[in-house]
Amino acid sequence: MEFVHEPVLLQEVLQWMPMDPHGVYCDGTLGGGGHSNAILEACGGEATLYGIDRDPEAMAAATARLQKYPNFHGLSGNFHDAAQLLQQAGAAPLTGALLDLGVSSPQLDHAERGFSYHEDAPLDMRMNPTQGMTAAELCNTASEAELTRIIRDYGEDKWAARIAHMICEHRQTKPLATTFDLVHAVDAAIPKAVRRKDEGHPARRTFQAIRIAVNDELDPLDKALCDLIQCLKPGGRLLVITFHSLEDRIVKRCFQRMQNPCICPPKAPICTCGRKPQVKVLAKGAVPPSEEEVARNPRARSAKLRVCEKLEVR
């Protein structure tokens, strides 16, 4: 498939990313290479950039796009392992790192990947379609209690128990094999009156939850953020784009903890724990997309950008 993806919050990324023609950068979610291309172009084409992605199709497309830059290096893998991948590649301390979390437009738009609830396709949802359990395998083998937990915790859906029960009922008759099989199970679980009032697709939260579980998107995120911060040089920045409250909460809390690591009692006259701030949080919290970008690209409406800068710790 053709892997073309409009990078979200691009101007904001260029605004907050420190640009250095001799800098070293990491794009931990390379995708189609849009952010990386803009960063390298802004640095005059001479900076070094390591792009990481676990999707072979994304890696192939981005490598073809970015091969014009002599210091671009594509690293196949998961950004959760960025520190190890960068070390193996011999990367110097980073000037900047970027994570654009979530699903890319090509993954959503190409039905055969199984991410979309709008088209019938094999129920897959794997970021790397050659590794791990598919969404169909998860839906057909997980217990009702486990499915309830996944849909409740990762989809924040109040109908999680009913949806999980209906998935289990459906699979007793016929295993779930396609995206529409899952959509039909969700439709059967949610009352019609609720579906009529819901502005979005009734299956969107369940699809988000199953996708997160299949790709293990949240549990390793906090450690991955800490590892990337350690890869930065003093003054280097980590930029993270999130698309839903679960991942944004993890990023926000990690940045706050790294900025205020002291665990002394609040009323203690002096700090005795010895923990020093590792970063400074920038951008006054989360940066939203502009109205113009949302009008042009509705998928950007839920995006948020958070930024932290590594401090020199003595």
C-alpha atoms as a PDB file:
ATOM      1  CA  MET A   1       0.000   0.000   0.000  1.00  0.00           C
ATOM      2  CA  GLU A   2       1.053   3.618  -0.437  1.00  0.00           C
ATOM      3  CA  PHE A   3       2.061   5.041   2.952  1.00  0.00           C
ATOM      4  CA  VAL A   4       1.185   8.749   2.783  1.00  0.00           C
ATOM      5  CA  HIS A   5       0.514  10.478   6.100  1.00  0.00           C
ATOM      6  CA  GLU A   6      -0.063  14.154   6.904  1.00  0.00           C
ATOM      7  CA  PRO A   7       2.033  14.914   9.995  1.00  0.00           C
ATOM      8  CA  VAL A   8      -0.058  16.320  12.842  1.00  0.00           C
ATOM      9  CA  LEU A   9       0.985  19.491  14.697  1.00  0.00           C
ATOM     10  CA  LEU A  10       3.885  19.916  12.279  1.00  0.00           C
ATOM     11  CA  GLN A  11       4.383  23.666  12.754  1.00  0.00           C
ATOM     12  CA  GLU A  12       4.187  23.261  16.516  1.00  0.00           C
ATOM     13  CA  VAL A  13       6.803  20.493  16.395  1.00  0.00           C
ATOM     14  CA  LEU A  14       9.117  22.725  14.361  1.00  0.00           C
ATOM     15  CA  GLN A  15       8.516  25.561  16.839  1.00  0.00           C
ATOM     16  CA  TRP A  16       9.434  23.529  19.941  1.00  0.00           C
ATOM     17  CA  MET A  17      12.117  21.227  18.546  1.00  0.00           C
ATOM     18  CA  PRO A  18      15.612  22.753  18.889  1.00  0.00           C
ATOM     19  CA  MET A  19      17.052  22.992  15.387  1.00  0.00           C
ATOM     20  CA  ASP A  20      20.774  22.401  14.913  1.00  0.00           C
ATOM     21  CA  PRO A  21      22.450  21.592  11.559  1.00  0.00           C
ATOM     22  CA  HIS A  22      24.861  19.405  13.502  1.00  0.00           C
ATOM     23  CA  GLY A  23      22.205  17.979  15.824  1.00  0.00           C
ATOM     24  CA  VAL A  24      21.205  14.383  16.451  1.00  0.00           C
ATOM     25  CA  TYR A  25      17.501  13.509  16.460  1.00  0.00           C
ATOM     26  CA  CYS A  26      15.268  10.512  17.016  1.00  0.00           C
ATOM     27  CA  ASP A  27      11.795  10.095  15.544  1.00  0.00           C
ATOM     28  CA  GLY A  28      10.541   7.153  17.561  1.00  0.00           C
ATOM     29  CA  THR A  29       7.351   6.777  15.519  1.00  0.00           C
ATOM     30  CA  LEU A  30       8.643   7.357  12.007  1.00  0.00           C
ATOM     31  CA  GLY A  31       5.431   6.544  10.121  1.00  0.00           C
ATOM     32  CA  GLY A  32       5.532   8.050   6.645  1.00  0.00           C
ATOM     33  CA  GLY A  33       8.476  10.264   7.600  1.00  0.00           C
ATOM     34  CA  GLY A  34       6.616  13.584   7.471  1.00  0.00           C
ATOM     35  CA  HIS A  35       7.891  14.955  10.780  1.00  0.00           C
ATOM     36  CA  SER A  36      11.400  13.643  10.123  1.00  0.00           C
ATOM     37  CA  ASN A  37      11.512  15.193   6.660  1.00  0.00           C
ATOM     38  CA  ALA A  38      10.489  18.587   8.067  1.00  0.00           C
ATOM     39  CA  ILE A  39      13.052  18.410  10.892  1.00  0.00           C
ATOM     40  CA  LEU A  40      15.888  17.452   8.555  1.00  0.00           C
ATOM     41  CA  GLU A  41      14.868  20.126   6.052  1.00  0.00           C
ATOM     42  CA  ALA A  42      14.751  22.772   8.822  1.00  0.00           C
ATOM     43  CA  CYS A  43      18.258  21.696   9.863  1.00  0.00           C
ATOM     44  CA  GLY A  44      19.604  22.218   6.348  1.00  0.00           C
ATOM     45  CA  GLY A  45      19.620  18.514   5.502  1.00  0.00           C
ATOM     46  CA  GLU A  46      22.862  17.787   7.357  1.00  0.00           C
ATOM     47  CA  ALA A  47      21.608  16.769  10.808  1.00  0.00           C
ATOM     48  CA  THR A  48      21.588  13.128  11.896  1.00  0.00           C
ATOM     49  CA  LEU A  49      18.206  11.504  12.440  1.00  0.00           C
ATOM     50  CA  TYR A  50      17.340   7.994  13.587  1.00  0.00           C
ATOM     51  CA  GLY A  51      13.824   6.924  12.619  1.00  0.00           C
ATOM     52  CA  ILE A  52      12.212   4.024  14.459  1.00  0.00           C
ATOM     53  CA  ASP A  53       9.084   2.138  13.411  1.00  0.00           C
ATOM     54  CA  ARG A  54       7.764  -1.390  13.865  1.00  0.00           C
ATOM     55  CA  ASP A  55       5.539  -1.252  10.782  1.00  0.00           C
ATOM     56  CA  PRO A  56       7.552  -2.660   7.822  1.00  0.00           C
ATOM     57  CA  GLU A  57       5.407  -0.771   5.296  1.00  0.00           C
ATOM     58  CA  ALA A  58       5.957   2.533   7.097  1.00  0.00           C
ATOM     59  CA  MET A  59       9.682   1.903   7.348  1.00  0.00           C
ATOM     60  CA  ALA A  60       9.978   1.107   3.645  1.00  0.00           C
ATOM     61  CA  ALA A  61       8.012   4.206   2.623  1.00  0.00           C
ATOM     62  CA  ALA A  62       9.869   6.545   4.978  1.00  0.00           C
ATOM     63  CA  THR A  63      13.282   5.175   3.992  1.00  0.00           C
ATOM     64  CA  ALA A  64      12.506   5.800   0.326  1.00  0.00           C
ATOM     65  CA  ARG A  65      11.353   9.314   1.132  1.00  0.00           C
ATOM     66  CA  LEU A  66      14.300  10.214   3.371  1.00  0.00           C
ATOM     67  CA  GLN A  67      17.164   8.539   1.498  1.00  0.00           C
ATOM     68  CA  LYS A  68      18.069  11.950   0.056  1.00  0.00           C
ATOM     69  CA  TYR A  69      19.404  12.898   3.493  1.00  0.00           C
ATOM     70  CA  PRO A  70      22.893  11.447   4.026  1.00  0.00           C
ATOM     71  CA  ASN A  71      22.533  11.131   7.799  1.00  0.00           C
ATOM     72  CA  PHE A  72      19.131   9.464   8.017  1.00  0.00           C
ATOM     73  CA  HIS A  73      19.156   6.012   9.628  1.00  0.00           C
ATOM     74  CA  GLY A  74      16.072   3.782   9.695  1.00  0.00           C
ATOM     75  CA  LEU A  75      15.841   1.441  12.695  1.00  0.00           C
ATOM     76  CA  SER A  76      13.220  -1.301  12.590  1.00  0.00           C
ATOM     77  CA  GLY A  77      11.694  -1.815  16.008  1.00  0.00           C
ATOM     78  CA  ASN A  78       9.464  -0.396  18.711  1.00  0.00           C
ATOM     79  CA  PHE A  79      10.087   3.012  20.290  1.00  0.00           C
ATOM     80  CA  HIS A  80       9.659   1.256  23.643  1.00  0.00           C
ATOM     81  CA  ASP A  81      13.169  -0.092  22.915  1.00  0.00           C
ATOM     82  CA  ALA A  82      14.524   3.226  21.579  1.00  0.00           C
ATOM     83  CA  ALA A  83      17.383   3.490  24.076  1.00  0.00           C
ATOM     84  CA  GLN A  84      18.696   0.054  23.145  1.00  0.00           C
ATOM     85  CA  LEU A  85      18.210   0.635  19.407  1.00  0.00           C
ATOM     86  CA  LEU A  86      20.019   3.981  19.567  1.00  0.00           C
ATOM     87  CA  GLN A  87      22.877   2.493  21.556  1.00  0.00           C
ATOM     88  CA  GLN A  88      23.263  -0.339  19.055  1.00  0.00           C
ATOM     89  CA  ALA A  89      23.332   2.241  16.240  1.00  0.00           C
ATOM     90  CA  GLY A  90      26.088   4.212  17.992  1.00  0.00           C
ATOM     91  CA  ALA A  91      23.958   7.357  18.345  1.00  0.00           C
ATOM     92  CA  ALA A  92      25.389  10.358  20.172  1.00  0.00           C
ATOM     93  CA  PRO A  93      23.300  12.115  22.857  1.00  0.00           C
ATOM     94  CA  LEU A  94      20.181  13.515  21.249  1.00  0.00           C
ATOM     95  CA  THR A  95      19.399  17.134  20.457  1.00  0.00           C
ATOM     96  CA  GLY A  96      15.737  16.223  20.207  1.00  0.00           C
ATOM     97  CA  ALA A  97      13.346  13.278  20.159  1.00  0.00           C
ATOM     98  CA  LEU A  98       9.765  13.005  18.928  1.00  0.00           C
ATOM     99  CA  LEU A  99       6.966  10.512  19.549  1.00  0.00           C
ATOM    100  CA  ASP A 100       3.717  10.724  17.574  1.00  0.00           C
ATOM    101  CA  LEU A 101       1.562   8.158  19.354  1.00  0.00           C
ATOM    102  CA  GLY A 102      -1.476   6.377  17.989  1.00  0.00           C
ATOM    103  CA  VAL A 103      -2.459   5.032  14.586  1.00  0.00           C
ATOM    104  CA  SER A 104      -1.356   6.679  11.353  1.00  0.00           C
ATOM    105  CA  SER A 105      -3.764   7.588   8.572  1.00  0.00           C
ATOM    106  CA  PRO A 106      -2.503   4.879   6.163  1.00  0.00           C
ATOM    107  CA  GLN A 107      -3.103   2.224   8.825  1.00  0.00           C
ATOM    108  CA  LEU A 108      -6.663   3.502   9.300  1.00  0.00           C
ATOM    109  CA  ASP A 109      -7.395   4.089   5.632  1.00  0.00           C
ATOM    110  CA  HIS A 110      -6.241   0.706   4.343  1.00  0.00           C
ATOM    111  CA  ALA A 111      -8.994  -1.677   5.353  1.00  0.00           C
ATOM    112  CA  GLU A 112      -6.818  -4.780   5.171  1.00  0.00           C
ATOM    113  CA  ARG A 113      -4.933  -3.672   8.298  1.00  0.00           C
ATOM    114  CA  GLY A 114      -8.111  -4.149  10.351  1.00  0.00           C
ATOM    115  CA  PHE A 115      -7.959  -0.897  12.329  1.00  0.00           C
ATOM    116  CA  SER A 116     -11.104   0.711  10.937  1.00  0.00           C
ATOM    117  CA  TYR A 117     -14.685   0.080  12.052  1.00  0.00           C
ATOM    118  CA  HIS A 118     -16.002   1.684   8.851  1.00  0.00           C
ATOM    119  CA  GLU A 119     -14.945  -1.101   6.458  1.00  0.00           C
ATOM    120  CA  ASP A 120     -15.163  -4.879   6.663  1.00  0.00           C
ATOM    121  CA  ALA A 121     -11.729  -6.504   6.746  1.00  0.00           C
ATOM    122  CA  PRO A 122      -9.755  -9.159   8.628  1.00  0.00           C
ATOM    123  CA  LEU A 123      -9.705  -8.272  12.334  1.00  0.00           C
ATOM    124  CA  ASP A 124      -5.956  -7.711  12.732  1.00  0.00           C
ATOM    125  CA  MET A 125      -4.927  -4.306  14.221  1.00  0.00           C
ATOM    126  CA  ARG A 126      -1.242  -5.180  14.649  1.00  0.00           C
ATOM    127  CA  MET A 127       1.190  -2.301  14.085  1.00  0.00           C
ATOM    128  CA  ASN A 128       3.640  -4.925  12.866  1.00  0.00           C
ATOM    129  CA  PRO A 129       1.501  -7.357  10.866  1.00  0.00           C
ATOM    130  CA  THR A 130       4.142 -10.069  11.158  1.00  0.00           C
ATOM    131  CA  GLN A 131       4.334 -10.249  14.953  1.00  0.00           C
ATOM    132  CA  GLY A 132       2.090 -10.971  17.885  1.00  0.00           C
ATOM    133  CA  MET A 133      -1.549 -11.846  18.468  1.00  0.00           C
ATOM    134  CA  THR A 134      -4.192 -10.420  16.153  1.00  0.00           C
ATOM    135  CA  ALA A 135      -7.294  -8.634  17.398  1.00  0.00           C
ATOM    136  CA  ALA A 136      -9.352 -11.626  16.237  1.00  0.00           C
ATOM    137  CA  GLU A 137      -7.237 -14.008  18.301  1.00  0.00           C
ATOM    138  CA  LEU A 138      -7.593 -11.749  21.338  1.00  0.00           C
ATOM    139  CA  CYS A 139     -11.369 -11.422  20.958  1.00  0.00           C
ATOM    140  CA  ASN A 140     -11.799 -15.179  20.476  1.00  0.00           C
ATOM    141  CA  THR A 141      -9.559 -16.390  23.318  1.00  0.00           C
ATOM    142  CA  ALA A 142      -9.646 -13.804  26.133  1.00  0.00           C
ATOM    143  CA  SER A 143     -12.027 -14.457  29.002  1.00  0.00           C
ATOM    144  CA  GLU A 144     -15.106 -12.310  29.431  1.00  0.00           C
ATOM    145  CA  ALA A 145     -13.531 -10.747  32.529  1.00  0.00           C
ATOM    146  CA  GLU A 146     -10.340  -9.897  30.631  1.00  0.00           C
ATOM    147  CA  LEU A 147     -12.271  -8.389  27.709  1.00  0.00           C
ATOM    148  CA  THR A 148     -14.292  -6.324  30.173  1.00  0.00           C
ATOM    149  CA  ARG A 149     -11.089  -5.011  31.757  1.00  0.00           C
ATOM    150  CA  ILE A 150      -9.536  -4.178  28.390  1.00  0.00           C
ATOM    151  CA  ILE A 151     -12.600  -2.327  27.076  1.00  0.00           C
ATOM    152  CA  ARG A 152     -13.185  -0.547  30.397  1.00  0.00           C
ATOM    153  CA  ASP A 153      -9.566   0.475  31.047  1.00  0.00           C
ATOM    154  CA  TYR A 154      -8.353   1.137  27.517  1.00  0.00           C
ATOM    155  CA  GLY A 155     -11.615   2.278  25.926  1.00  0.00           C
ATOM    156  CA  GLU A 156     -13.141   3.995  28.962  1.00  0.00           C
ATOM    157  CA  ASP A 157     -16.493   2.591  27.841  1.00  0.00           C
ATOM    158  CA  LYS A 158     -19.233   2.309  30.467  1.00  0.00           C
ATOM    159  CA  TRP A 159     -20.794  -0.525  28.433  1.00  0.00           C
ATOM    160  CA  ALA A 160     -17.614  -2.623  28.692  1.00  0.00           C
ATOM    161  CA  ALA A 161     -19.206  -5.545  30.545  1.00  0.00           C
ATOM    162  CA  ARG A 162     -22.132  -5.799  28.105  1.00  0.00           C
ATOM    163  CA  ILE A 163     -19.811  -5.542  25.094  1.00  0.00           C
ATOM    164  CA  ALA A 164     -17.485  -8.232  26.463  1.00  0.00           C
ATOM    165  CA  HIS A 165     -20.451 -10.493  27.174  1.00  0.00           C
ATOM    166  CA  MET A 166     -21.805 -10.022  23.660  1.00  0.00           C
ATOM    167  CA  ILE A 167     -18.375 -10.746  22.095  1.00  0.00           C
ATOM    168  CA  CYS A 168     -18.308 -14.018  24.025  1.00  0.00           C
ATOM    169  CA  GLU A 169     -21.854 -14.852  22.914  1.00  0.00           C
ATOM    170  CA  HIS A 170     -21.036 -14.147  19.274  1.00  0.00           C
ATOM    171  CA  ARG A 171     -17.888 -16.266  19.284  1.00  0.00           C
ATOM    172  CA  GLN A 172     -19.819 -19.278  20.605  1.00  0.00           C
ATOM    173  CA  THR A 173     -21.788 -19.276  17.352  1.00  0.00           C
ATOM    174  CA  LYS A 174     -18.923 -18.245  15.050  1.00  0.00           C
ATOM    175  CA  PRO A 175     -15.433 -16.942  15.859  1.00  0.00           C
ATOM    176  CA  LEU A 176     -14.989 -13.231  15.232  1.00  0.00           C
ATOM    177  CA  ALA A 177     -12.961 -12.921  12.026  1.00  0.00           C
ATOM    178  CA  THR A 178     -13.626  -9.455  10.612  1.00  0.00           C
ATOM    179  CA  THR A 179     -13.944  -5.877  11.792  1.00  0.00           C
ATOM    180  CA  PHE A 180     -17.692  -5.963  11.128  1.00  0.00           C
ATOM    181  CA  ASP A 181     -18.006  -9.061  13.334  1.00  0.00           C
ATOM    182  CA  LEU A 182     -16.711  -6.911  16.198  1.00  0.00           C
ATOM    183  CA  VAL A 183     -18.868  -3.941  15.183  1.00  0.00           C
ATOM    184  CA  HIS A 184     -21.973  -6.143  15.206  1.00  0.00           C
ATOM    185  CA  ALA A 185     -21.140  -7.432  18.689  1.00  0.00           C
ATOM    186  CA  VAL A 186     -20.786  -3.863  19.966  1.00  0.00           C
ATOM    187  CA  ASP A 187     -24.031  -2.810  18.251  1.00  0.00           C
ATOM    188  CA  ALA A 188     -25.861  -5.680  19.913  1.00  0.00           C
ATOM    189  CA  ALA A 189     -24.523  -4.693  23.327  1.00  0.00           C
ATOM    190  CA  ILE A 190     -25.300  -0.972  23.317  1.00  0.00           C
ATOM    191  CA  PRO A 191     -28.997   0.059  23.532  1.00  0.00           C
ATOM    192  CA  LYS A 192     -30.365   1.704  20.400  1.00  0.00           C
ATOM    193  CA  ALA A 193     -31.341   4.860  22.293  1.00  0.00           C
ATOM    194  CA  VAL A 194     -27.722   5.295  23.426  1.00  0.00           C
ATOM    195  CA  ARG A 195     -26.390   4.654  19.918  1.00  0.00           C
ATOM    196  CA  ARG A 196     -28.684   7.323  18.480  1.00  0.00           C
ATOM    197  CA  LYS A 197     -27.456   9.942  20.972  1.00  0.00           C
ATOM    198  CA  ASP A 198     -23.767   9.098  20.579  1.00  0.00           C
ATOM    199  CA  GLU A 199     -22.063  11.568  18.223  1.00  0.00           C
ATOM    200  CA  GLY A 200     -19.285   9.160  17.313  1.00  0.00           C
ATOM    201  CA  HIS A 201     -19.315   5.579  16.085  1.00  0.00           C
ATOM    202  CA  PRO A 202     -20.481   3.238  18.888  1.00  0.00           C
ATOM    203  CA  ALA A 203     -17.575   0.861  18.270  1.00  0.00           C
ATOM    204  CA  ARG A 204     -14.793   3.457  18.397  1.00  0.00           C
ATOM    205  CA  ARG A 205     -13.937   2.938  22.079  1.00  0.00           C
ATOM    206  CA  THR A 206     -13.900  -0.848  21.753  1.00  0.00           C
ATOM    207  CA  PHE A 207     -11.667  -0.678  18.681  1.00  0.00           C
ATOM    208  CA  GLN A 208      -9.313   1.687  20.529  1.00  0.00           C
ATOM    209  CA  ALA A 209      -9.200  -0.648  23.519  1.00  0.00           C
ATOM    210  CA  ILE A 210      -8.547  -3.814  21.502  1.00  0.00           C
ATOM    211  CA  ARG A 211      -5.883  -2.034  19.425  1.00  0.00           C
ATOM    212  CA  ILE A 212      -4.093  -0.815  22.552  1.00  0.00           C
ATOM    213  CA  ALA A 213      -4.136  -4.309  24.040  1.00  0.00           C
ATOM    214  CA  VAL A 214      -2.962  -6.000  20.829  1.00  0.00           C
ATOM    215  CA  ASN A 215      -0.030  -3.602  20.456  1.00  0.00           C
ATOM    216  CA  ASP A 216       0.757  -3.187  24.184  1.00  0.00           C
ATOM    217  CA  GLU A 217       0.723   0.577  23.716  1.00  0.00           C
ATOM    218  CA  LEU A 218       0.353   1.874  27.283  1.00  0.00           C
ATOM    219  CA  ASP A 219       2.114  -0.324  29.825  1.00  0.00           C
ATOM    220  CA  PRO A 220       5.681   0.278  28.493  1.00  0.00           C
ATOM    221  CA  LEU A 221       5.084   3.972  27.693  1.00  0.00           C
ATOM    222  CA  ASP A 222       6.273   5.510  30.968  1.00  0.00           C
ATOM    223  CA  LYS A 223       9.577   3.615  30.900  1.00  0.00           C
ATOM    224  CA  ALA A 224      10.065   4.464  27.227  1.00  0.00           C
ATOM    225  CA  LEU A 225       9.656   8.171  27.997  1.00  0.00           C
ATOM    226  CA  CYS A 226      12.180   7.989  30.839  1.00  0.00           C
ATOM    227  CA  ASP A 227      14.628   6.091  28.635  1.00  0.00           C
ATOM    228  CA  LEU A 228      14.362   8.681  25.853  1.00  0.00           C
ATOM    229  CA  ILE A 229      14.919  11.514  28.321  1.00  0.00           C
ATOM    230  CA  GLN A 230      18.112   9.783  29.416  1.00  0.00           C
ATOM    231  CA  CYS A 231      19.195   9.673  25.749  1.00  0.00           C
ATOM    232  CA  LEU A 232      18.953  13.474  25.465  1.00  0.00           C
ATOM    233  CA  LYS A 233      21.907  15.769  25.976  1.00  0.00           C
ATOM    234  CA  PRO A 234      21.417  18.675  28.424  1.00  0.00           C
ATOM    235  CA  GLY A 235      19.176  21.181  26.669  1.00  0.00           C
ATOM    236  CA  GLY A 236      17.757  18.462  24.432  1.00  0.00           C
ATOM    237  CA  ARG A 237      13.987  18.183  24.172  1.00  0.00           C
ATOM    238  CA  LEU A 238      11.458  15.375  24.060  1.00  0.00           C
ATOM    239  CA  LEU A 239       8.228  16.144  22.189  1.00  0.00           C
ATOM    240  CA  VAL A 240       5.247  13.797  22.485  1.00  0.00           C
ATOM    241  CA  ILE A 241       1.999  13.960  20.508  1.00  0.00           C
ATOM    242  CA  THR A 242      -0.943  12.095  22.040  1.00  0.00           C
ATOM    243  CA  PHE A 243      -4.461  11.439  20.766  1.00  0.00           C
ATOM    244  CA  HIS A 244      -6.451  10.238  23.767  1.00  0.00           C
ATOM    245  CA  SER A 245      -6.588  10.867  27.498  1.00  0.00           C
ATOM    246  CA  LEU A 246      -5.014   7.564  28.550  1.00  0.00           C
ATOM    247  CA  GLU A 247      -1.668   8.107  26.846  1.00  0.00           C
ATOM    248  CA  ASP A 248      -1.728  11.865  27.480  1.00  0.00           C
ATOM    249  CA  ARG A 249      -2.163  11.235  31.215  1.00  0.00           C
ATOM    250  CA  ILE A 250       0.879   8.956  31.241  1.00  0.00           C
ATOM    251  CA  VAL A 251       3.008  11.561  29.424  1.00  0.00           C
ATOM    252  CA  LYS A 252       1.825  14.404  31.650  1.00  0.00           C
ATOM    253  CA  ARG A 253       2.503  12.506  34.873  1.00  0.00           C
ATOM    254  CA  CYS A 254       5.909  11.299  33.687  1.00  0.00           C
ATOM    255  CA  PHE A 255       7.017  14.813  32.775  1.00  0.00           C
ATOM    256  CA  GLN A 256       5.716  16.190  36.080  1.00  0.00           C
ATOM    257  CA  ARG A 257       7.469  13.440  38.054  1.00  0.00           C
ATOM    258  CA  MET A 258      10.751  14.067  36.226  1.00  0.00           C
ATOM    259  CA  GLN A 259      10.416  17.798  36.884  1.00  0.00           C
ATOM    260  CA  ASN A 260       9.481  17.386  40.558  1.00  0.00           C
ATOM    261  CA  PRO A 261      11.010  14.081  41.708  1.00  0.00           C
ATOM    262  CA  CYS A 262      11.312  14.994  45.403  1.00  0.00           C
ATOM    263  CA  ILE A 263       9.566  12.466  47.679  1.00  0.00           C
ATOM    264  CA  CYS A 264      10.157  14.318  50.945  1.00  0.00           C
ATOM    265  CA  PRO A 265       7.087  15.133  53.085  1.00  0.00           C
ATOM    266  CA  PRO A 266       5.431  18.337  51.801  1.00  0.00           C
ATOM    267  CA  LYS A 267       6.119  20.184  55.072  1.00  0.00           C
ATOM    268  CA  ALA A 268       9.770  19.134  55.347  1.00  0.00           C
ATOM    269  CA  PRO A 269      11.964  22.263  55.777  1.00  0.00           C
ATOM    270  CA  ILE A 270      14.647  20.919  53.414  1.00  0.00           C
ATOM    271  CA  CYS A 271      14.913  18.158  50.841  1.00  0.00           C
ATOM    272  CA  THR A 272      16.662  15.070  52.190  1.00  0.00           C
ATOM    273  CA  CYS A 273      15.793  12.542  49.478  1.00  0.00           C
ATOM    274  CA  GLY A 274      18.428  13.975  47.145  1.00  0.00           C
ATOM    275  CA  ARG A 275      16.322  13.569  44.021  1.00  0.00           C
ATOM    276  CA  LYS A 276      16.969  16.380  41.573  1.00  0.00           C
ATOM    277  CA  PRO A 277      14.804  17.588  38.683  1.00  0.00           C
ATOM    278  CA  GLN A 278      15.721  15.888  35.412  1.00  0.00           C
ATOM    279  CA  VAL A 279      13.651  18.042  33.055  1.00  0.00           C
ATOM    280  CA  LYS A 280      11.790  21.302  32.729  1.00  0.00           C
ATOM    281  CA  VAL A 281       8.268  21.107  31.318  1.00  0.00           C
ATOM    282  CA  LEU A 282       7.750  23.621  28.514  1.00  0.00           C
ATOM    283  CA  ALA A 283       4.817  24.935  26.476  1.00  0.00           C
ATOM    284  CA  LYS A 284       2.681  25.542  29.601  1.00  0.00           C
ATOM    285  CA  GLY A 285       1.145  22.100  29.418  1.00  0.00           C
ATOM    286  CA  ALA A 286      -0.350  20.715  26.231  1.00  0.00           C
ATOM    287  CA  VAL A 287      -0.295  22.464  22.845  1.00  0.00           C
ATOM    288  CA  PRO A 288      -3.468  21.864  20.771  1.00  0.00           C
ATOM    289  CA  PRO A 289      -3.713  21.976  16.982  1.00  0.00           C
ATOM    290  CA  SER A 290      -4.768  25.226  15.341  1.00  0.00           C
ATOM    291  CA  GLU A 291      -8.311  25.722  14.116  1.00  0.00           C
ATOM    292  CA  GLU A 292      -6.951  25.786  10.575  1.00  0.00           C
ATOM    293  CA  GLU A 293      -5.310  22.379  10.987  1.00  0.00           C
ATOM    294  CA  VAL A 294      -8.444  20.793  12.460  1.00  0.00           C
ATOM    295  CA  ALA A 295     -10.518  22.188   9.574  1.00  0.00           C
ATOM    296  CA  ARG A 296      -8.016  20.741   7.095  1.00  0.00           C
ATOM    297  CA  ASN A 297      -7.429  17.462   8.932  1.00  0.00           C
ATOM    298  CA  PRO A 298     -10.260  16.469  11.332  1.00  0.00           C
ATOM    299  CA  ARG A 299      -8.145  13.607  12.723  1.00  0.00           C
ATOM    300  CA  ALA A 300      -5.938  16.224  14.383  1.00  0.00           C
ATOM    301  CA  ARG A 301      -8.745  17.521  16.613  1.00  0.00           C
ATOM    302  CA  SER A 302      -7.835  15.343  19.613  1.00  0.00           C
ATOM    303  CA  ALA A 303      -4.065  15.747  19.269  1.00  0.00           C
ATOM    304  CA  LYS A 304      -1.958  17.339  22.026  1.00  0.00           C
ATOM    305  CA  LEU A 305       1.740  18.141  22.086  1.00  0.00           C
ATOM    306  CA  ARG A 306       3.742  18.024  25.320  1.00  0.00           C
ATOM    307  CA  VAL A 307       7.364  19.153  25.569  1.00  0.00           C
ATOM    308  CA  CYS A 308      10.101  18.775  28.156  1.00  0.00           C
ATOM    309  CA  GLU A 309      13.744  19.881  28.143  1.00  0.00           C
ATOM    310  CA  LYS A 310      16.506  17.919  29.810  1.00  0.00           C
ATOM    311  CA  LEU A 311      18.376  19.756  32.564  1.00  0.00           C
ATOM    312  CA  GLU A 312      22.050  19.558  33.425  1.00  0.00           C
ATOM    313  CA  VAL A 313      22.024  17.592  36.687  1.00  0.00           C
ATOM    314  CA  ARG A 314      25.023  18.099  38.953  1.00  0.00           C
END
